[in-house]
Amino acid sequence: MLLNSIRFFVMFTGMMKKLILILALMAASPASASCYADYKAKQDNPLRLHYGIIELPDTACTKQAAKAQISQRISADGWKLLRVLSVFQADGLGERKSSAGKYFLRY
């Protein structure tokens, strides 16, 4: 009986350690991107312009870091970044959505 109690205690504490570790990792990792940016881009021949909103990882929440991310993503479709207008949190999406049109979270 004592041996079974000890086995149960060891198993239980091992499970609790794993559960605590999992919860700590979940709390430490972001559930989604921590910021967004709005930007202006262009294509030449013929000249086309667009205003867009893009979701960024938490490591790119400055204008300078956003610039590199945005340039890389939009260049695949032949767009050249003109300017990063701002970097903002999710609460700023609503007021910008209609202005971005089809370029709202496209890249």
PDB file of N, CA and C in Angstrom:
ATOM      1  N   MET A   1       0.819  -1.188   0.000  1.00  0.00           N
ATOM      2  CA  MET A   1       0.000   0.000   0.000  1.00  0.00           C
ATOM      3  C   MET A   1       0.869   1.260   0.000  1.00  0.00           C
ATOM      4  N   LEU A   2       1.873   1.286   0.826  1.00  0.00           N
ATOM      5  CA  LEU A   2       2.775   2.431   0.900  1.00  0.00           C
ATOM      6  C   LEU A   2       3.491   2.627  -0.433  1.00  0.00           C
ATOM      7  N   LEU A   3       3.918   1.531  -1.049  1.00  0.00           N
ATOM      8  CA  LEU A   3       4.604   1.610  -2.337  1.00  0.00           C
ATOM      9  C   LEU A   3       3.688   2.186  -3.408  1.00  0.00           C
ATOM     10  N   ASN A   4       2.432   1.793  -3.423  1.00  0.00           N
ATOM     11  CA  ASN A   4       1.468   2.350  -4.380  1.00  0.00           C
ATOM     12  C   ASN A   4       1.254   3.835  -4.148  1.00  0.00           C
ATOM     13  N   SER A   5       1.205   4.259  -2.901  1.00  0.00           N
ATOM     14  CA  SER A   5       1.038   5.668  -2.566  1.00  0.00           C
ATOM     15  C   SER A   5       2.233   6.487  -3.044  1.00  0.00           C
ATOM     16  N   ILE A   6       3.423   5.929  -2.873  1.00  0.00           N
ATOM     17  CA  ILE A   6       4.640   6.622  -3.324  1.00  0.00           C
ATOM     18  C   ILE A   6       4.645   6.728  -4.844  1.00  0.00           C
ATOM     19  N   ARG A   7       4.293   5.651  -5.545  1.00  0.00           N
ATOM     20  CA  ARG A   7       4.242   5.679  -7.010  1.00  0.00           C
ATOM     21  C   ARG A   7       3.244   6.734  -7.502  1.00  0.00           C
ATOM     22  N   PHE A   8       2.082   6.766  -6.869  1.00  0.00           N
ATOM     23  CA  PHE A   8       1.068   7.752  -7.231  1.00  0.00           C
ATOM     24  C   PHE A   8       1.599   9.163  -7.018  1.00  0.00           C
ATOM     25  N   PHE A   9       2.244   9.407  -5.887  1.00  0.00           N
ATOM     26  CA  PHE A   9       2.783  10.736  -5.582  1.00  0.00           C
ATOM     27  C   PHE A   9       3.828  11.149  -6.618  1.00  0.00           C
ATOM     28  N   VAL A  10       4.734  10.245  -6.975  1.00  0.00           N
ATOM     29  CA  VAL A  10       5.765  10.536  -7.968  1.00  0.00           C
ATOM     30  C   VAL A  10       5.132  10.828  -9.326  1.00  0.00           C
ATOM     31  N   MET A  11       4.170  10.008  -9.719  1.00  0.00           N
ATOM     32  CA  MET A  11       3.486  10.212 -10.995  1.00  0.00           C
ATOM     33  C   MET A  11       2.723  11.547 -10.995  1.00  0.00           C
ATOM     34  N   PHE A  12       2.031  11.825  -9.906  1.00  0.00           N
ATOM     35  CA  PHE A  12       1.254  13.052  -9.798  1.00  0.00           C
ATOM     36  C   PHE A  12       2.145  14.289  -9.860  1.00  0.00           C
ATOM     37  N   THR A  13       3.258  14.289  -9.129  1.00  0.00           N
ATOM     38  CA  THR A  13       4.148  15.463  -9.133  1.00  0.00           C
ATOM     39  C   THR A  13       4.800  15.640 -10.500  1.00  0.00           C
ATOM     40  N   GLY A  14       5.099  14.537 -11.180  1.00  0.00           N
ATOM     41  CA  GLY A  14       5.657  14.626 -12.537  1.00  0.00           C
ATOM     42  C   GLY A  14       4.665  15.252 -13.500  1.00  0.00           C
ATOM     43  N   MET A  15       3.405  14.858 -13.387  1.00  0.00           N
ATOM     44  CA  MET A  15       2.367  15.439 -14.240  1.00  0.00           C
ATOM     45  C   MET A  15       2.166  16.915 -13.922  1.00  0.00           C
ATOM     46  N   MET A  16       2.215  17.265 -12.656  1.00  0.00           N
ATOM     47  CA  MET A  16       2.041  18.671 -12.267  1.00  0.00           C
ATOM     48  C   MET A  16       3.173  19.535 -12.813  1.00  0.00           C
ATOM     49  N   LYS A  17       4.395  19.025 -12.773  1.00  0.00           N
ATOM     50  CA  LYS A  17       5.537  19.771 -13.317  1.00  0.00           C
ATOM     51  C   LYS A  17       5.344  20.029 -14.811  1.00  0.00           C
ATOM     52  N   LYS A  18       4.894  18.993 -15.528  1.00  0.00           N
ATOM     53  CA  LYS A  18       4.660  19.143 -16.968  1.00  0.00           C
ATOM     54  C   LYS A  18       3.543  20.157 -17.240  1.00  0.00           C
ATOM     55  N   LEU A  19       2.490  20.086 -16.449  1.00  0.00           N
ATOM     56  CA  LEU A  19       1.381  21.009 -16.620  1.00  0.00           C
ATOM     57  C   LEU A  19       1.819  22.451 -16.362  1.00  0.00           C
ATOM     58  N   ILE A  20       2.592  22.652 -15.328  1.00  0.00           N
ATOM     59  CA  ILE A  20       3.090  23.998 -15.016  1.00  0.00           C
ATOM     60  C   ILE A  20       3.981  24.503 -16.138  1.00  0.00           C
ATOM     61  N   LEU A  21       4.835  23.647 -16.665  1.00  0.00           N
ATOM     62  CA  LEU A  21       5.711  24.035 -17.766  1.00  0.00           C
ATOM     63  C   LEU A  21       4.898  24.417 -19.004  1.00  0.00           C
ATOM     64  N   ILE A  22       3.898  23.624 -19.339  1.00  0.00           N
ATOM     65  CA  ILE A  22       3.052  23.916 -20.499  1.00  0.00           C
ATOM     66  C   ILE A  22       2.328  25.247 -20.320  1.00  0.00           C
ATOM     67  N   LEU A  23       1.774  25.473 -19.147  1.00  0.00           N
ATOM     68  CA  LEU A  23       1.070  26.732 -18.891  1.00  0.00           C
ATOM     69  C   LEU A  23       2.010  27.924 -18.965  1.00  0.00           C
ATOM     70  N   ALA A  24       3.221  27.759 -18.454  1.00  0.00           N
ATOM     71  CA  ALA A  24       4.199  28.850 -18.507  1.00  0.00           C
ATOM     72  C   ALA A  24       4.580  29.168 -19.946  1.00  0.00           C
ATOM     73  N   LEU A  25       4.770  28.146 -20.756  1.00  0.00           N
ATOM     74  CA  LEU A  25       5.116  28.371 -22.162  1.00  0.00           C
ATOM     75  C   LEU A  25       3.984  29.030 -22.925  1.00  0.00           C
ATOM     76  N   MET A  26       2.757  28.619 -22.620  1.00  0.00           N
ATOM     77  CA  MET A  26       1.607  29.228 -23.289  1.00  0.00           C
ATOM     78  C   MET A  26       1.476  30.699 -22.915  1.00  0.00           C
ATOM     79  N   ALA A  27       1.744  31.035 -21.692  1.00  0.00           N
ATOM     80  CA  ALA A  27       1.642  32.419 -21.244  1.00  0.00           C
ATOM     81  C   ALA A  27       2.748  33.270 -21.837  1.00  0.00           C
ATOM     82  N   ALA A  28       3.914  32.684 -22.062  1.00  0.00           N
ATOM     83  CA  ALA A  28       5.055  33.442 -22.565  1.00  0.00           C
ATOM     84  C   ALA A  28       5.009  33.661 -24.062  1.00  0.00           C
ATOM     85  N   SER A  29       4.345  32.790 -24.810  1.00  0.00           N
ATOM     86  CA  SER A  29       4.331  32.928 -26.256  1.00  0.00           C
ATOM     87  C   SER A  29       3.125  33.738 -26.708  1.00  0.00           C
ATOM     88  N   PRO A  30       3.332  34.630 -27.693  1.00  0.00           N
ATOM     89  CA  PRO A  30       2.210  35.431 -28.169  1.00  0.00           C
ATOM     90  C   PRO A  30       1.208  34.588 -28.921  1.00  0.00           C
ATOM     91  N   ALA A  31      -0.059  34.886 -28.743  1.00  0.00           N
ATOM     92  CA  ALA A  31      -1.107  34.138 -29.420  1.00  0.00           C
ATOM     93  C   ALA A  31      -1.216  34.559 -30.879  1.00  0.00           C
ATOM     94  N   SER A  32      -0.857  35.779 -31.180  1.00  0.00           N
ATOM     95  CA  SER A  32      -0.909  36.272 -32.543  1.00  0.00           C
ATOM     96  C   SER A  32       0.091  37.409 -32.691  1.00  0.00           C
ATOM     97  N   ALA A  33       0.094  38.012 -33.873  1.00  0.00           N
ATOM     98  CA  ALA A  33       1.004  39.124 -34.089  1.00  0.00           C
ATOM     99  C   ALA A  33       0.711  40.227 -33.101  1.00  0.00           C
ATOM    100  N   SER A  34       1.749  40.889 -32.667  1.00  0.00           N
ATOM    101  CA  SER A  34       1.539  41.910 -31.656  1.00  0.00           C
ATOM    102  C   SER A  34       1.319  43.291 -32.257  1.00  0.00           C
ATOM    103  N   CYS A  35       1.485  43.438 -33.564  1.00  0.00           N
ATOM    104  CA  CYS A  35       1.285  44.764 -34.138  1.00  0.00           C
ATOM    105  C   CYS A  35       0.956  44.682 -35.625  1.00  0.00           C
ATOM    106  N   TYR A  36       0.591  45.829 -36.150  1.00  0.00           N
ATOM    107  CA  TYR A  36       0.218  45.989 -37.561  1.00  0.00           C
ATOM    108  C   TYR A  36       0.874  47.272 -38.055  1.00  0.00           C
ATOM    109  N   ALA A  37       0.978  47.389 -39.372  1.00  0.00           N
ATOM    110  CA  ALA A  37       1.513  48.616 -39.958  1.00  0.00           C
ATOM    111  C   ALA A  37       0.669  48.987 -41.159  1.00  0.00           C
ATOM    112  N   ASP A  38       0.573  50.284 -41.407  1.00  0.00           N
ATOM    113  CA  ASP A  38      -0.019  50.727 -42.667  1.00  0.00           C
ATOM    114  C   ASP A  38       1.094  51.333 -43.502  1.00  0.00           C
ATOM    115  N   TYR A  39       0.971  51.166 -44.812  1.00  0.00           N
ATOM    116  CA  TYR A  39       2.059  51.540 -45.715  1.00  0.00           C
ATOM    117  C   TYR A  39       1.500  51.971 -47.064  1.00  0.00           C
ATOM    118  N   LYS A  40       2.364  52.590 -47.870  1.00  0.00           N
ATOM    119  CA  LYS A  40       2.057  52.941 -49.251  1.00  0.00           C
ATOM    120  C   LYS A  40       3.069  52.245 -50.140  1.00  0.00           C
ATOM    121  N   ALA A  41       2.582  51.731 -51.275  1.00  0.00           N
ATOM    122  CA  ALA A  41       3.451  51.014 -52.203  1.00  0.00           C
ATOM    123  C   ALA A  41       3.094  51.384 -53.638  1.00  0.00           C
ATOM    124  N   LYS A  42       4.010  51.083 -54.556  1.00  0.00           N
ATOM    125  CA  LYS A  42       3.756  51.388 -55.968  1.00  0.00           C
ATOM    126  C   LYS A  42       4.284  50.297 -56.877  1.00  0.00           C
ATOM    127  N   GLN A  43       3.743  50.288 -58.089  1.00  0.00           N
ATOM    128  CA  GLN A  43       4.259  49.498 -59.208  1.00  0.00           C
ATOM    129  C   GLN A  43       4.458  50.466 -60.364  1.00  0.00           C
ATOM    130  N   ASP A  44       5.452  50.210 -61.191  1.00  0.00           N
ATOM    131  CA  ASP A  44       5.690  51.049 -62.366  1.00  0.00           C
ATOM    132  C   ASP A  44       5.224  50.337 -63.633  1.00  0.00           C
ATOM    133  N   ASN A  45       4.978  51.142 -64.669  1.00  0.00           N
ATOM    134  CA  ASN A  45       4.650  50.666 -66.016  1.00  0.00           C
ATOM    135  C   ASN A  45       3.482  49.701 -66.064  1.00  0.00           C
ATOM    136  N   PRO A  46       2.295  50.123 -65.934  1.00  0.00           N
ATOM    137  CA  PRO A  46       1.841  51.481 -65.632  1.00  0.00           C
ATOM    138  C   PRO A  46       1.929  51.747 -64.125  1.00  0.00           C
ATOM    139  N   LEU A  47       1.980  53.019 -63.803  1.00  0.00           N
ATOM    140  CA  LEU A  47       2.062  53.415 -62.398  1.00  0.00           C
ATOM    141  C   LEU A  47       0.784  53.017 -61.674  1.00  0.00           C
ATOM    142  N   ARG A  48       0.940  52.284 -60.592  1.00  0.00           N
ATOM    143  CA  ARG A  48      -0.183  51.897 -59.721  1.00  0.00           C
ATOM    144  C   ARG A  48       0.256  52.124 -58.286  1.00  0.00           C
ATOM    145  N   LEU A  49      -0.652  52.608 -57.474  1.00  0.00           N
ATOM    146  CA  LEU A  49      -0.376  52.867 -56.062  1.00  0.00           C
ATOM    147  C   LEU A  49      -1.355  52.093 -55.204  1.00  0.00           C
ATOM    148  N   HIS A  50      -0.915  51.718 -54.009  1.00  0.00           N
ATOM    149  CA  HIS A  50      -1.867  51.148 -53.057  1.00  0.00           C
ATOM    150  C   HIS A  50      -1.475  51.481 -51.625  1.00  0.00           C
ATOM    151  N   TYR A  51      -2.511  51.527 -50.792  1.00  0.00           N
ATOM    152  CA  TYR A  51      -2.374  51.709 -49.356  1.00  0.00           C
ATOM    153  C   TYR A  51      -2.772  50.371 -48.747  1.00  0.00           C
ATOM    154  N   GLY A  52      -1.948  49.849 -47.835  1.00  0.00           N
ATOM    155  CA  GLY A  52      -2.250  48.548 -47.259  1.00  0.00           C
ATOM    156  C   GLY A  52      -2.002  48.488 -45.767  1.00  0.00           C
ATOM    157  N   ILE A  53      -2.569  47.466 -45.175  1.00  0.00           N
ATOM    158  CA  ILE A  53      -2.375  47.144 -43.763  1.00  0.00           C
ATOM    159  C   ILE A  53      -1.772  45.753 -43.727  1.00  0.00           C
ATOM    160  N   ILE A  54      -0.752  45.568 -42.903  1.00  0.00           N
ATOM    161  CA  ILE A  54      -0.070  44.282 -42.820  1.00  0.00           C
ATOM    162  C   ILE A  54       0.120  43.878 -41.362  1.00  0.00           C
ATOM    163  N   GLU A  55       0.000  42.594 -41.102  1.00  0.00           N
ATOM    164  CA  GLU A  55       0.218  42.048 -39.765  1.00  0.00           C
ATOM    165  C   GLU A  55       1.702  41.726 -39.620  1.00  0.00           C
ATOM    166  N   LEU A  56       2.279  42.105 -38.487  1.00  0.00           N
ATOM    167  CA  LEU A  56       3.711  41.919 -38.263  1.00  0.00           C
ATOM    168  C   LEU A  56       3.977  41.074 -37.023  1.00  0.00           C
ATOM    169  N   PRO A  57       5.094  40.335 -37.027  1.00  0.00           N
ATOM    170  CA  PRO A  57       5.468  39.610 -35.810  1.00  0.00           C
ATOM    171  C   PRO A  57       5.944  40.602 -34.747  1.00  0.00           C
ATOM    172  N   ASP A  58       5.955  40.163 -33.511  1.00  0.00           N
ATOM    173  CA  ASP A  58       6.335  41.069 -32.423  1.00  0.00           C
ATOM    174  C   ASP A  58       7.769  41.582 -32.544  1.00  0.00           C
ATOM    175  N   THR A  59       8.586  40.951 -33.360  1.00  0.00           N
ATOM    176  CA  THR A  59       9.968  41.399 -33.559  1.00  0.00           C
ATOM    177  C   THR A  59      10.074  42.541 -34.569  1.00  0.00           C
ATOM    178  N   ALA A  60       8.964  42.919 -35.193  1.00  0.00           N
ATOM    179  CA  ALA A  60       8.996  43.945 -36.238  1.00  0.00           C
ATOM    180  C   ALA A  60       8.061  45.105 -35.922  1.00  0.00           C
ATOM    181  N   CYS A  61       7.948  45.474 -34.677  1.00  0.00           N
ATOM    182  CA  CYS A  61       6.998  46.515 -34.269  1.00  0.00           C
ATOM    183  C   CYS A  61       7.611  47.911 -34.179  1.00  0.00           C
ATOM    184  N   THR A  62       8.585  48.170 -35.013  1.00  0.00           N
ATOM    185  CA  THR A  62       9.103  49.524 -35.191  1.00  0.00           C
ATOM    186  C   THR A  62       9.006  49.829 -36.682  1.00  0.00           C
ATOM    187  N   LYS A  63       9.026  51.095 -37.041  1.00  0.00           N
ATOM    188  CA  LYS A  63       8.929  51.442 -38.466  1.00  0.00           C
ATOM    189  C   LYS A  63      10.079  50.841 -39.267  1.00  0.00           C
ATOM    190  N   GLN A  64      11.276  50.869 -38.702  1.00  0.00           N
ATOM    191  CA  GLN A  64      12.449  50.354 -39.411  1.00  0.00           C
ATOM    192  C   GLN A  64      12.343  48.850 -39.640  1.00  0.00           C
ATOM    193  N   ALA A  65      11.965  48.104 -38.616  1.00  0.00           N
ATOM    194  CA  ALA A  65      11.818  46.651 -38.754  1.00  0.00           C
ATOM    195  C   ALA A  65      10.639  46.312 -39.668  1.00  0.00           C
ATOM    196  N   ALA A  66       9.574  47.082 -39.575  1.00  0.00           N
ATOM    197  CA  ALA A  66       8.400  46.859 -40.423  1.00  0.00           C
ATOM    198  C   ALA A  66       8.765  47.075 -41.891  1.00  0.00           C
ATOM    199  N   LYS A  67       9.599  48.051 -42.148  1.00  0.00           N
ATOM    200  CA  LYS A  67      10.010  48.365 -43.518  1.00  0.00           C
ATOM    201  C   LYS A  67      10.620  47.132 -44.201  1.00  0.00           C
ATOM    202  N   ALA A  68      11.497  46.453 -43.508  1.00  0.00           N
ATOM    203  CA  ALA A  68      12.135  45.263 -44.085  1.00  0.00           C
ATOM    204  C   ALA A  68      11.112  44.150 -44.331  1.00  0.00           C
ATOM    205  N   GLN A  69      10.246  43.917 -43.376  1.00  0.00           N
ATOM    206  CA  GLN A  69       9.219  42.875 -43.508  1.00  0.00           C
ATOM    207  C   GLN A  69       8.273  43.165 -44.675  1.00  0.00           C
ATOM    208  N   ILE A  70       7.780  44.387 -44.716  1.00  0.00           N
ATOM    209  CA  ILE A  70       6.810  44.758 -45.749  1.00  0.00           C
ATOM    210  C   ILE A  70       7.440  44.691 -47.130  1.00  0.00           C
ATOM    211  N   SER A  71       8.627  45.253 -47.278  1.00  0.00           N
ATOM    212  CA  SER A  71       9.319  45.232 -48.578  1.00  0.00           C
ATOM    213  C   SER A  71       9.469  43.818 -49.104  1.00  0.00           C
ATOM    214  N   GLN A  72       9.875  42.923 -48.235  1.00  0.00           N
ATOM    215  CA  GLN A  72      10.077  41.535 -48.645  1.00  0.00           C
ATOM    216  C   GLN A  72       8.762  40.893 -49.087  1.00  0.00           C
ATOM    217  N   ARG A  73       7.703  41.087 -48.337  1.00  0.00           N
ATOM    218  CA  ARG A  73       6.431  40.426 -48.646  1.00  0.00           C
ATOM    219  C   ARG A  73       5.778  40.963 -49.912  1.00  0.00           C
ATOM    220  N   ILE A  74       5.743  42.283 -50.074  1.00  0.00           N
ATOM    221  CA  ILE A  74       5.030  42.842 -51.226  1.00  0.00           C
ATOM    222  C   ILE A  74       5.830  42.738 -52.525  1.00  0.00           C
ATOM    223  N   SER A  75       7.143  42.604 -52.424  1.00  0.00           N
ATOM    224  CA  SER A  75       7.965  42.529 -53.639  1.00  0.00           C
ATOM    225  C   SER A  75       7.663  41.277 -54.465  1.00  0.00           C
ATOM    226  N   ALA A  76       7.149  40.245 -53.825  1.00  0.00           N
ATOM    227  CA  ALA A  76       6.801  39.016 -54.557  1.00  0.00           C
ATOM    228  C   ALA A  76       5.749  39.282 -55.634  1.00  0.00           C
ATOM    229  N   ASP A  77       4.931  40.316 -55.451  1.00  0.00           N
ATOM    230  CA  ASP A  77       3.915  40.681 -56.444  1.00  0.00           C
ATOM    231  C   ASP A  77       4.311  41.913 -57.250  1.00  0.00           C
ATOM    232  N   GLY A  78       5.580  42.278 -57.189  1.00  0.00           N
ATOM    233  CA  GLY A  78       6.077  43.390 -57.984  1.00  0.00           C
ATOM    234  C   GLY A  78       5.851  44.775 -57.391  1.00  0.00           C
ATOM    235  N   TRP A  79       5.509  44.855 -56.114  1.00  0.00           N
ATOM    236  CA  TRP A  79       5.283  46.139 -55.466  1.00  0.00           C
ATOM    237  C   TRP A  79       6.564  46.629 -54.814  1.00  0.00           C
ATOM    238  N   LYS A  80       6.735  47.952 -54.817  1.00  0.00           N
ATOM    239  CA  LYS A  80       7.874  48.583 -54.148  1.00  0.00           C
ATOM    240  C   LYS A  80       7.326  49.434 -53.002  1.00  0.00           C
ATOM    241  N   LEU A  81       7.874  49.238 -51.827  1.00  0.00           N
ATOM    242  CA  LEU A  81       7.441  50.009 -50.667  1.00  0.00           C
ATOM    243  C   LEU A  81       7.876  51.457 -50.813  1.00  0.00           C
ATOM    244  N   LEU A  82       6.924  52.363 -50.653  1.00  0.00           N
ATOM    245  CA  LEU A  82       7.245  53.789 -50.668  1.00  0.00           C
ATOM    246  C   LEU A  82       7.495  54.300 -49.252  1.00  0.00           C
ATOM    247  N   ARG A  83       6.608  53.881 -48.327  1.00  0.00           N
ATOM    248  CA  ARG A  83       6.693  54.447 -46.989  1.00  0.00           C
ATOM    249  C   ARG A  83       5.870  53.632 -45.990  1.00  0.00           C
ATOM    250  N   VAL A  84       6.422  53.446 -44.800  1.00  0.00           N
ATOM    251  CA  VAL A  84       5.658  52.898 -43.684  1.00  0.00           C
ATOM    252  C   VAL A  84       5.061  54.101 -42.969  1.00  0.00           C
ATOM    253  N   LEU A  85       3.743  54.157 -42.904  1.00  0.00           N
ATOM    254  CA  LEU A  85       3.083  55.312 -42.296  1.00  0.00           C
ATOM    255  C   LEU A  85       3.082  55.235 -40.773  1.00  0.00           C
ATOM    256  N   SER A  86       2.710  54.058 -40.250  1.00  0.00           N
ATOM    257  CA  SER A  86       2.683  53.901 -38.796  1.00  0.00           C
ATOM    258  C   SER A  86       2.670  52.426 -38.427  1.00  0.00           C
ATOM    259  N   VAL A  87       3.033  52.161 -37.187  1.00  0.00           N
ATOM    260  CA  VAL A  87       2.946  50.828 -36.601  1.00  0.00           C
ATOM    261  C   VAL A  87       1.991  50.972 -35.425  1.00  0.00           C
ATOM    262  N   PHE A  88       1.018  50.053 -35.327  1.00  0.00           N
ATOM    263  CA  PHE A  88      -0.033  50.213 -34.322  1.00  0.00           C
ATOM    264  C   PHE A  88      -0.527  48.852 -33.837  1.00  0.00           C
ATOM    265  N   GLN A  89      -1.350  48.875 -32.810  1.00  0.00           N
ATOM    266  CA  GLN A  89      -1.924  47.656 -32.224  1.00  0.00           C
ATOM    267  C   GLN A  89      -3.261  47.325 -32.893  1.00  0.00           C
ATOM    268  N   ALA A  90      -3.826  46.191 -32.538  1.00  0.00           N
ATOM    269  CA  ALA A  90      -5.059  45.700 -33.151  1.00  0.00           C
ATOM    270  C   ALA A  90      -6.225  46.672 -33.014  1.00  0.00           C
ATOM    271  N   ASP A  91      -6.217  47.487 -31.983  1.00  0.00           N
ATOM    272  CA  ASP A  91      -7.334  48.422 -31.802  1.00  0.00           C
ATOM    273  C   ASP A  91      -7.370  49.515 -32.868  1.00  0.00           C
ATOM    274  N   GLY A  92      -6.335  49.623 -33.697  1.00  0.00           N
ATOM    275  CA  GLY A  92      -6.317  50.602 -34.771  1.00  0.00           C
ATOM    276  C   GLY A  92      -6.760  50.047 -36.118  1.00  0.00           C
ATOM    277  N   LEU A  93      -7.093  48.767 -36.173  1.00  0.00           N
ATOM    278  CA  LEU A  93      -7.472  48.153 -37.447  1.00  0.00           C
ATOM    279  C   LEU A  93      -8.793  48.677 -37.997  1.00  0.00           C
ATOM    280  N   GLY A  94      -9.787  48.794 -37.145  1.00  0.00           N
ATOM    281  CA  GLY A  94     -11.129  49.171 -37.587  1.00  0.00           C
ATOM    282  C   GLY A  94     -11.176  50.467 -38.354  1.00  0.00           C
ATOM    283  N   GLU A  95     -10.492  51.467 -37.867  1.00  0.00           N
ATOM    284  CA  GLU A  95     -10.541  52.786 -38.507  1.00  0.00           C
ATOM    285  C   GLU A  95      -9.804  52.831 -39.835  1.00  0.00           C
ATOM    286  N   ARG A  96      -8.943  51.848 -40.115  1.00  0.00           N
ATOM    287  CA  ARG A  96      -8.149  51.841 -41.342  1.00  0.00           C
ATOM    288  C   ARG A  96      -8.644  50.835 -42.383  1.00  0.00           C
ATOM    289  N   LYS A  97      -9.481  49.915 -41.988  1.00  0.00           N
ATOM    290  CA  LYS A  97      -9.873  48.793 -42.848  1.00  0.00           C
ATOM    291  C   LYS A  97     -10.454  49.244 -44.182  1.00  0.00           C
ATOM    292  N   SER A  98     -11.397  50.145 -44.165  1.00  0.00           N
ATOM    293  CA  SER A  98     -12.043  50.543 -45.419  1.00  0.00           C
ATOM    294  C   SER A  98     -11.074  51.260 -46.359  1.00  0.00           C
ATOM    295  N   SER A  99     -10.126  51.986 -45.823  1.00  0.00           N
ATOM    296  CA  SER A  99      -9.144  52.679 -46.664  1.00  0.00           C
ATOM    297  C   SER A  99      -8.209  51.711 -47.373  1.00  0.00           C
ATOM    298  N   ALA A 100      -7.927  50.587 -46.753  1.00  0.00           N
ATOM    299  CA  ALA A 100      -6.996  49.618 -47.330  1.00  0.00           C
ATOM    300  C   ALA A 100      -7.654  48.752 -48.398  1.00  0.00           C
ATOM    301  N   GLY A 101      -8.963  48.618 -48.373  1.00  0.00           N
ATOM    302  CA  GLY A 101      -9.660  47.830 -49.389  1.00  0.00           C
ATOM    303  C   GLY A 101      -9.111  46.422 -49.511  1.00  0.00           C
ATOM    304  N   LYS A 102      -8.772  46.014 -50.746  1.00  0.00           N
ATOM    305  CA  LYS A 102      -8.295  44.645 -50.962  1.00  0.00           C
ATOM    306  C   LYS A 102      -6.891  44.414 -50.419  1.00  0.00           C
ATOM    307  N   TYR A 103      -6.222  45.463 -49.967  1.00  0.00           N
ATOM    308  CA  TYR A 103      -4.871  45.310 -49.387  1.00  0.00           C
ATOM    309  C   TYR A 103      -4.905  45.306 -47.864  1.00  0.00           C
ATOM    310  N   PHE A 104      -6.077  45.072 -47.303  1.00  0.00           N
ATOM    311  CA  PHE A 104      -6.211  44.930 -45.860  1.00  0.00           C
ATOM    312  C   PHE A 104      -5.783  43.518 -45.476  1.00  0.00           C
ATOM    313  N   LEU A 105      -4.655  43.411 -44.811  1.00  0.00           N
ATOM    314  CA  LEU A 105      -4.071  42.131 -44.369  1.00  0.00           C
ATOM    315  C   LEU A 105      -3.817  41.154 -45.518  1.00  0.00           C
ATOM    316  N   ARG A 106      -3.583  41.679 -46.715  1.00  0.00           N
ATOM    317  CA  ARG A 106      -3.319  40.816 -47.869  1.00  0.00           C
ATOM    318  C   ARG A 106      -1.950  40.155 -47.787  1.00  0.00           C
ATOM    319  N   TYR A 107      -0.976  40.890 -47.318  1.00  0.00           N
ATOM    320  CA  TYR A 107       0.390  40.352 -47.240  1.00  0.00           C
ATOM    321  C   TYR A 107       0.706  40.066 -45.792  1.00  0.00           C
TER     322      TYR A 107
END
